[in-house]
Amino acid sequence: RTSGEVGAGTMKFIRKILRDENGGAEDLPGYTLLTLIAIGCIGIIALFGRFTQADNSVQAAAYAAARDASLSRAGDAVPHAISAAQLALRDNVNCASLNVTVSGNGLTTGLGEAGTVSATVVCTITASELVFPGWNGIPTSFTVTKTAFSPVDPYRER
């Protein structure tokens, strides 16, 4: 065979597949289909891993917000909790909207009484942020809500 015959046969094979003249997926080599399936599975695994990372980051932000709120005075607990949550999320997740709420009896109890502070972090994340960070091509979003608790030192001045 000459090189012209090999090229002609390849083009004939490609035309046969494109025109669907008894040429379909069964005419492709087996490894091609396996490669496409493997790439799809790897993509799904990466997406689940990224979702888990985002979920864990929001939980860490809730812990940081609760801890910071428990160390602050009653009047400035919320601003400290918000800044702690933003700092914890800074390098991991870009929230389209972030809401931090602080509650609990820890900041209003008297000296010598034990109490706790809870912080709830609600982060709305766009799906495109998980797939391709910084790209806004996928319009859907989801919300991750996490709550954490932190004890307040009963002998600390409030």
C-alpha atoms as a PDB file:
ATOM      1  CA  ARG A   1       0.000   0.000   0.000  1.00  0.00           C
ATOM      2  CA  THR A   2       1.015   3.508  -0.627  1.00  0.00           C
ATOM      3  CA  SER A   3       0.452   6.333   1.773  1.00  0.00           C
ATOM      4  CA  GLY A   4      -2.327   7.674  -0.472  1.00  0.00           C
ATOM      5  CA  GLU A   5      -4.312   4.450  -0.045  1.00  0.00           C
ATOM      6  CA  VAL A   6      -4.034   4.578   3.730  1.00  0.00           C
ATOM      7  CA  GLY A   7      -5.208   8.213   3.827  1.00  0.00           C
ATOM      8  CA  ALA A   8      -8.104   7.427   1.508  1.00  0.00           C
ATOM      9  CA  GLY A   9      -9.234   4.568   3.713  1.00  0.00           C
ATOM     10  CA  THR A  10      -9.099   6.771   6.810  1.00  0.00           C
ATOM     11  CA  MET A  11     -11.148   9.494   5.157  1.00  0.00           C
ATOM     12  CA  LYS A  12     -13.659   6.907   3.954  1.00  0.00           C
ATOM     13  CA  PHE A  13     -13.983   5.596   7.512  1.00  0.00           C
ATOM     14  CA  ILE A  14     -14.501   9.135   8.897  1.00  0.00           C
ATOM     15  CA  ARG A  15     -17.111   9.935   6.210  1.00  0.00           C
ATOM     16  CA  LYS A  16     -18.866   6.674   6.993  1.00  0.00           C
ATOM     17  CA  ILE A  17     -19.160   7.612  10.687  1.00  0.00           C
ATOM     18  CA  LEU A  18     -20.195  11.223  10.006  1.00  0.00           C
ATOM     19  CA  ARG A  19     -22.875  10.258   7.500  1.00  0.00           C
ATOM     20  CA  ASP A  20     -24.050   7.379   9.718  1.00  0.00           C
ATOM     21  CA  GLU A  21     -23.795   4.928   6.872  1.00  0.00           C
ATOM     22  CA  ASN A  22     -23.739   1.817   9.001  1.00  0.00           C
ATOM     23  CA  GLY A  23     -21.029   3.474  11.000  1.00  0.00           C
ATOM     24  CA  GLY A  24     -21.752   4.426  14.570  1.00  0.00           C
ATOM     25  CA  ALA A  25     -20.373   4.028  18.015  1.00  0.00           C
ATOM     26  CA  GLU A  26     -19.762   0.333  17.420  1.00  0.00           C
ATOM     27  CA  ASP A  27     -17.251   1.216  14.683  1.00  0.00           C
ATOM     28  CA  LEU A  28     -15.115   3.262  17.059  1.00  0.00           C
ATOM     29  CA  PRO A  29     -12.259   1.492  18.768  1.00  0.00           C
ATOM     30  CA  GLY A  30     -13.178   0.217  22.222  1.00  0.00           C
ATOM     31  CA  TYR A  31     -10.642   2.319  24.049  1.00  0.00           C
ATOM     32  CA  THR A  32     -12.228   5.511  22.672  1.00  0.00           C
ATOM     33  CA  LEU A  33     -15.517   4.806  24.420  1.00  0.00           C
ATOM     34  CA  LEU A  34     -13.731   3.738  27.590  1.00  0.00           C
ATOM     35  CA  THR A  35     -11.700   6.953  27.530  1.00  0.00           C
ATOM     36  CA  LEU A  36     -14.823   9.095  27.214  1.00  0.00           C
ATOM     37  CA  ILE A  37     -16.516   7.214  30.055  1.00  0.00           C
ATOM     38  CA  ALA A  38     -13.385   7.530  32.227  1.00  0.00           C
ATOM     39  CA  ILE A  39     -13.172  11.295  31.588  1.00  0.00           C
ATOM     40  CA  GLY A  40     -16.834  11.653  32.565  1.00  0.00           C
ATOM     41  CA  CYS A  41     -16.316   9.664  35.772  1.00  0.00           C
ATOM     42  CA  ILE A  42     -13.240  11.691  36.692  1.00  0.00           C
ATOM     43  CA  GLY A  43     -15.221  14.890  36.133  1.00  0.00           C
ATOM     44  CA  ILE A  44     -18.029  13.712  38.409  1.00  0.00           C
ATOM     45  CA  ILE A  45     -15.555  12.672  41.105  1.00  0.00           C
ATOM     46  CA  ALA A  46     -13.836  16.072  40.874  1.00  0.00           C
ATOM     47  CA  LEU A  47     -17.203  17.848  41.168  1.00  0.00           C
ATOM     48  CA  PHE A  48     -18.130  15.867  44.289  1.00  0.00           C
ATOM     49  CA  GLY A  49     -14.697  16.577  45.752  1.00  0.00           C
ATOM     50  CA  ARG A  50     -15.092  20.288  45.108  1.00  0.00           C
ATOM     51  CA  PHE A  51     -18.575  20.241  46.680  1.00  0.00           C
ATOM     52  CA  THR A  52     -17.170  18.492  49.755  1.00  0.00           C
ATOM     53  CA  GLN A  53     -14.405  21.082  49.999  1.00  0.00           C
ATOM     54  CA  ALA A  54     -16.969  23.897  49.839  1.00  0.00           C
ATOM     55  CA  ASP A  55     -19.123  22.189  52.473  1.00  0.00           C
ATOM     56  CA  ASN A  56     -16.152  21.732  54.802  1.00  0.00           C
ATOM     57  CA  SER A  57     -15.041  25.331  54.251  1.00  0.00           C
ATOM     58  CA  VAL A  58     -18.446  26.658  55.288  1.00  0.00           C
ATOM     59  CA  GLN A  59     -18.340  24.438  58.395  1.00  0.00           C
ATOM     60  CA  ALA A  60     -14.886  25.793  59.269  1.00  0.00           C
ATOM     61  CA  ALA A  61     -16.225  29.330  58.789  1.00  0.00           C
ATOM     62  CA  ALA A  62     -19.073  28.565  61.207  1.00  0.00           C
ATOM     63  CA  TYR A  63     -16.582  27.293  63.805  1.00  0.00           C
ATOM     64  CA  ALA A  64     -14.420  30.384  63.352  1.00  0.00           C
ATOM     65  CA  ALA A  65     -17.422  32.692  63.646  1.00  0.00           C
ATOM     66  CA  ALA A  66     -18.672  30.987  66.823  1.00  0.00           C
ATOM     67  CA  ARG A  67     -15.236  31.049  68.414  1.00  0.00           C
ATOM     68  CA  ASP A  68     -14.685  34.716  67.558  1.00  0.00           C
ATOM     69  CA  ALA A  69     -18.151  35.634  68.842  1.00  0.00           C
ATOM     70  CA  SER A  70     -17.519  33.793  72.118  1.00  0.00           C
ATOM     71  CA  LEU A  71     -14.313  35.772  72.668  1.00  0.00           C
ATOM     72  CA  SER A  72     -15.870  39.165  71.979  1.00  0.00           C
ATOM     73  CA  ARG A  73     -18.055  41.418  74.089  1.00  0.00           C
ATOM     74  CA  ALA A  74     -21.827  41.313  73.696  1.00  0.00           C
ATOM     75  CA  GLY A  75     -22.034  44.429  71.521  1.00  0.00           C
ATOM     76  CA  ASP A  76     -19.444  43.510  68.913  1.00  0.00           C
ATOM     77  CA  ALA A  77     -19.992  39.748  68.616  1.00  0.00           C
ATOM     78  CA  VAL A  78     -21.758  39.865  65.251  1.00  0.00           C
ATOM     79  CA  PRO A  79     -19.180  42.013  63.394  1.00  0.00           C
ATOM     80  CA  HIS A  80     -16.372  39.837  64.739  1.00  0.00           C
ATOM     81  CA  ALA A  81     -18.220  36.668  63.698  1.00  0.00           C
ATOM     82  CA  ILE A  82     -18.820  38.022  60.180  1.00  0.00           C
ATOM     83  CA  SER A  83     -15.186  38.997  59.700  1.00  0.00           C
ATOM     84  CA  ALA A  84     -14.014  35.611  61.024  1.00  0.00           C
ATOM     85  CA  ALA A  85     -16.331  33.773  58.604  1.00  0.00           C
ATOM     86  CA  GLN A  86     -15.186  35.904  55.664  1.00  0.00           C
ATOM     87  CA  LEU A  87     -11.553  35.294  56.576  1.00  0.00           C
ATOM     88  CA  ALA A  88     -12.101  31.531  56.827  1.00  0.00           C
ATOM     89  CA  LEU A  89     -13.834  31.412  53.442  1.00  0.00           C
ATOM     90  CA  ARG A  90     -11.487  33.808  51.661  1.00  0.00           C
ATOM     91  CA  ASP A  91      -9.238  31.340  49.839  1.00  0.00           C
ATOM     92  CA  ASN A  92     -11.623  28.393  49.588  1.00  0.00           C
ATOM     93  CA  VAL A  93     -15.124  29.443  48.537  1.00  0.00           C
ATOM     94  CA  ASN A  94     -16.541  32.540  46.878  1.00  0.00           C
ATOM     95  CA  CYS A  95     -20.033  32.994  48.280  1.00  0.00           C
ATOM     96  CA  ALA A  96     -22.511  34.814  46.062  1.00  0.00           C
ATOM     97  CA  SER A  97     -24.205  35.808  49.319  1.00  0.00           C
ATOM     98  CA  LEU A  98     -23.013  35.284  52.885  1.00  0.00           C
ATOM     99  CA  ASN A  99     -25.190  35.543  55.976  1.00  0.00           C
ATOM    100  CA  VAL A 100     -23.859  35.056  59.511  1.00  0.00           C
ATOM    101  CA  THR A 101     -26.156  34.990  62.545  1.00  0.00           C
ATOM    102  CA  VAL A 102     -25.056  34.770  66.161  1.00  0.00           C
ATOM    103  CA  SER A 103     -27.287  33.493  68.941  1.00  0.00           C
ATOM    104  CA  GLY A 104     -27.108  31.827  72.330  1.00  0.00           C
ATOM    105  CA  ASN A 105     -27.080  32.847  75.947  1.00  0.00           C
ATOM    106  CA  GLY A 106     -23.327  32.985  76.405  1.00  0.00           C
ATOM    107  CA  LEU A 107     -22.917  36.726  76.055  1.00  0.00           C
ATOM    108  CA  THR A 108     -25.797  37.668  78.369  1.00  0.00           C
ATOM    109  CA  THR A 109     -25.129  35.356  81.310  1.00  0.00           C
ATOM    110  CA  GLY A 110     -23.734  36.706  84.522  1.00  0.00           C
ATOM    111  CA  LEU A 111     -20.168  36.356  85.724  1.00  0.00           C
ATOM    112  CA  GLY A 112     -19.496  32.792  86.870  1.00  0.00           C
ATOM    113  CA  GLU A 113     -22.329  31.307  84.791  1.00  0.00           C
ATOM    114  CA  ALA A 114     -21.572  29.047  81.843  1.00  0.00           C
ATOM    115  CA  GLY A 115     -23.054  29.698  78.438  1.00  0.00           C
ATOM    116  CA  THR A 116     -22.607  29.015  74.758  1.00  0.00           C
ATOM    117  CA  VAL A 117     -22.673  31.026  71.572  1.00  0.00           C
ATOM    118  CA  SER A 118     -23.811  29.605  68.259  1.00  0.00           C
ATOM    119  CA  ALA A 119     -23.005  30.941  64.818  1.00  0.00           C
ATOM    120  CA  THR A 120     -24.879  29.962  61.684  1.00  0.00           C
ATOM    121  CA  VAL A 121     -23.230  30.612  58.347  1.00  0.00           C
ATOM    122  CA  VAL A 122     -25.384  30.538  55.201  1.00  0.00           C
ATOM    123  CA  CYS A 123     -23.386  30.649  51.970  1.00  0.00           C
ATOM    124  CA  THR A 124     -24.934  30.633  48.501  1.00  0.00           C
ATOM    125  CA  ILE A 125     -22.501  29.190  45.968  1.00  0.00           C
ATOM    126  CA  THR A 126     -22.949  29.216  42.206  1.00  0.00           C
ATOM    127  CA  ALA A 127     -22.434  25.895  40.468  1.00  0.00           C
ATOM    128  CA  SER A 128     -19.980  27.465  38.053  1.00  0.00           C
ATOM    129  CA  GLU A 129     -17.801  28.376  41.051  1.00  0.00           C
ATOM    130  CA  LEU A 130     -17.430  24.660  41.777  1.00  0.00           C
ATOM    131  CA  VAL A 131     -16.799  23.570  38.199  1.00  0.00           C
ATOM    132  CA  PHE A 132     -14.629  26.437  36.938  1.00  0.00           C
ATOM    133  CA  PRO A 133     -13.849  29.020  39.649  1.00  0.00           C
ATOM    134  CA  GLY A 134     -14.250  32.544  38.300  1.00  0.00           C
ATOM    135  CA  TRP A 135     -16.449  31.498  35.365  1.00  0.00           C
ATOM    136  CA  ASN A 136     -20.146  32.371  35.419  1.00  0.00           C
ATOM    137  CA  GLY A 137     -21.404  30.077  32.675  1.00  0.00           C
ATOM    138  CA  ILE A 138     -23.615  27.787  34.771  1.00  0.00           C
ATOM    139  CA  PRO A 139     -26.676  29.660  36.078  1.00  0.00           C
ATOM    140  CA  THR A 140     -27.690  27.403  38.966  1.00  0.00           C
ATOM    141  CA  SER A 141     -26.664  27.859  42.597  1.00  0.00           C
ATOM    142  CA  PHE A 142     -27.095  26.093  45.921  1.00  0.00           C
ATOM    143  CA  THR A 143     -27.010  27.068  49.567  1.00  0.00           C
ATOM    144  CA  VAL A 144     -24.829  25.547  52.279  1.00  0.00           C
ATOM    145  CA  THR A 145     -25.916  26.193  55.882  1.00  0.00           C
ATOM    146  CA  LYS A 146     -23.720  25.209  58.826  1.00  0.00           C
ATOM    147  CA  THR A 147     -23.993  25.932  62.557  1.00  0.00           C
ATOM    148  CA  ALA A 148     -21.286  25.700  65.205  1.00  0.00           C
ATOM    149  CA  PHE A 149     -21.240  26.241  68.956  1.00  0.00           C
ATOM    150  CA  SER A 150     -18.562  27.631  71.222  1.00  0.00           C
ATOM    151  CA  PRO A 151     -18.513  27.904  75.022  1.00  0.00           C
ATOM    152  CA  VAL A 152     -18.016  31.250  76.707  1.00  0.00           C
ATOM    153  CA  ASP A 153     -15.562  31.495  79.590  1.00  0.00           C
ATOM    154  CA  PRO A 154     -17.767  31.900  82.676  1.00  0.00           C
ATOM    155  CA  TYR A 155     -15.198  34.094  84.467  1.00  0.00           C
ATOM    156  CA  ARG A 156     -14.480  36.440  81.597  1.00  0.00           C
ATOM    157  CA  GLU A 157     -15.700  40.002  81.815  1.00  0.00           C
ATOM    158  CA  ARG A 158     -18.607  40.661  79.481  1.00  0.00           C
END
